[in-house]
Amino acid sequence: MKASECKCCKCGKQAVAFWPVIDPDIPSHPYCRKCLDKEKLQAMIAIYGDKGEELFKQFNNQLKKKKT
């Protein structure tokens, strides 16, 4: 099943990815881009504390640079 065939589990919009994709034993759920970013940010903050938000922004900026 592709994420594009699913709706976001949080808001019902078109999904873009399943998350988390860490382990086949952990269930993954479909998320739209906005909800996916929120979930990733919450995970980063849970792991790294307040520094997690800054790390998430740096990571996203690096991804944007690679696309151009």
C-alpha atoms as a PDB file:
ATOM      1  CA  MET A   1       0.000   0.000   0.000  1.00  0.00           C
ATOM      2  CA  LYS A   2       1.243   3.475  -0.859  1.00  0.00           C
ATOM      3  CA  ALA A   3       0.781   6.506   1.360  1.00  0.00           C
ATOM      4  CA  SER A   4      -0.796   8.339  -1.571  1.00  0.00           C
ATOM      5  CA  GLU A   5      -3.652   5.846  -1.433  1.00  0.00           C
ATOM      6  CA  CYS A   6      -4.406   6.760   2.185  1.00  0.00           C
ATOM      7  CA  LYS A   7      -5.710   9.654   4.221  1.00  0.00           C
ATOM      8  CA  CYS A   8      -3.827  11.250   7.105  1.00  0.00           C
ATOM      9  CA  CYS A   9      -4.613   9.552  10.406  1.00  0.00           C
ATOM     10  CA  LYS A  10      -4.742  12.939  12.183  1.00  0.00           C
ATOM     11  CA  CYS A  11      -6.601  15.316   9.875  1.00  0.00           C
ATOM     12  CA  GLY A  12      -7.929  13.233   6.984  1.00  0.00           C
ATOM     13  CA  LYS A  13      -5.997  15.012   4.207  1.00  0.00           C
ATOM     14  CA  GLN A  14      -4.083  13.163   1.499  1.00  0.00           C
ATOM     15  CA  ALA A  15      -1.197  11.256   3.089  1.00  0.00           C
ATOM     16  CA  VAL A  16       2.376  11.620   1.839  1.00  0.00           C
ATOM     17  CA  ALA A  17       4.215   9.116   4.035  1.00  0.00           C
ATOM     18  CA  PHE A  18       3.923   6.457   6.673  1.00  0.00           C
ATOM     19  CA  TRP A  19       5.556   7.190  10.012  1.00  0.00           C
ATOM     20  CA  PRO A  20       7.371   5.942  12.018  1.00  0.00           C
ATOM     21  CA  VAL A  21       9.305   3.687   9.703  1.00  0.00           C
ATOM     22  CA  ILE A  22      11.781   2.428  12.255  1.00  0.00           C
ATOM     23  CA  ASP A  23      10.953  -1.209  12.714  1.00  0.00           C
ATOM     24  CA  PRO A  24       8.571  -3.582  10.943  1.00  0.00           C
ATOM     25  CA  ASP A  25       7.189  -4.555  14.349  1.00  0.00           C
ATOM     26  CA  ILE A  26       6.125  -0.968  15.089  1.00  0.00           C
ATOM     27  CA  PRO A  27       2.918  -0.028  13.270  1.00  0.00           C
ATOM     28  CA  SER A  28       3.266   2.909  10.890  1.00  0.00           C
ATOM     29  CA  HIS A  29       0.422   5.284  10.126  1.00  0.00           C
ATOM     30  CA  PRO A  30      -0.203   7.553   7.125  1.00  0.00           C
ATOM     31  CA  TYR A  31       0.389  11.294   7.616  1.00  0.00           C
ATOM     32  CA  CYS A  32       0.008  14.404   5.485  1.00  0.00           C
ATOM     33  CA  ARG A  33       3.075  16.674   5.274  1.00  0.00           C
ATOM     34  CA  LYS A  34       1.903  19.106   7.960  1.00  0.00           C
ATOM     35  CA  CYS A  35       1.016  16.419  10.499  1.00  0.00           C
ATOM     36  CA  LEU A  36       4.150  14.437   9.663  1.00  0.00           C
ATOM     37  CA  ASP A  37       6.352  17.440  10.397  1.00  0.00           C
ATOM     38  CA  LYS A  38       4.541  17.980  13.700  1.00  0.00           C
ATOM     39  CA  GLU A  39       5.034  14.349  14.710  1.00  0.00           C
ATOM     40  CA  LYS A  40       8.718  14.436  13.795  1.00  0.00           C
ATOM     41  CA  LEU A  41       9.206  17.656  15.733  1.00  0.00           C
ATOM     42  CA  GLN A  42       7.512  16.197  18.801  1.00  0.00           C
ATOM     43  CA  ALA A  43       9.755  13.137  18.585  1.00  0.00           C
ATOM     44  CA  MET A  44      12.884  15.287  18.269  1.00  0.00           C
ATOM     45  CA  ILE A  45      11.859  17.389  21.270  1.00  0.00           C
ATOM     46  CA  ALA A  46      11.098  14.256  23.289  1.00  0.00           C
ATOM     47  CA  ILE A  47      14.528  12.854  22.483  1.00  0.00           C
ATOM     48  CA  TYR A  48      16.689  15.980  22.579  1.00  0.00           C
ATOM     49  CA  GLY A  49      14.668  18.346  24.745  1.00  0.00           C
ATOM     50  CA  ASP A  50      14.465  21.993  23.723  1.00  0.00           C
ATOM     51  CA  LYS A  51      17.429  21.553  21.406  1.00  0.00           C
ATOM     52  CA  GLY A  52      15.320  19.158  19.317  1.00  0.00           C
ATOM     53  CA  GLU A  53      13.408  21.961  17.619  1.00  0.00           C
ATOM     54  CA  GLU A  54      16.633  23.625  16.492  1.00  0.00           C
ATOM     55  CA  LEU A  55      17.999  20.313  15.209  1.00  0.00           C
ATOM     56  CA  PHE A  56      14.777  19.688  13.295  1.00  0.00           C
ATOM     57  CA  LYS A  57      14.996  23.103  11.612  1.00  0.00           C
ATOM     58  CA  GLN A  58      18.637  22.519  10.673  1.00  0.00           C
ATOM     59  CA  PHE A  59      17.783  19.116   9.233  1.00  0.00           C
ATOM     60  CA  ASN A  60      14.944  20.548   7.129  1.00  0.00           C
ATOM     61  CA  ASN A  61      17.187  23.346   5.852  1.00  0.00           C
ATOM     62  CA  GLN A  62      19.808  20.814   4.774  1.00  0.00           C
ATOM     63  CA  LEU A  63      17.179  18.808   2.915  1.00  0.00           C
ATOM     64  CA  LYS A  64      15.965  21.917   1.101  1.00  0.00           C
ATOM     65  CA  LYS A  65      19.527  22.770   0.045  1.00  0.00           C
ATOM     66  CA  LYS A  66      20.057  19.279  -1.379  1.00  0.00           C
ATOM     67  CA  LYS A  67      16.903  19.545  -3.497  1.00  0.00           C
ATOM     68  CA  THR A  68      18.145  22.690  -5.241  1.00  0.00           C
END
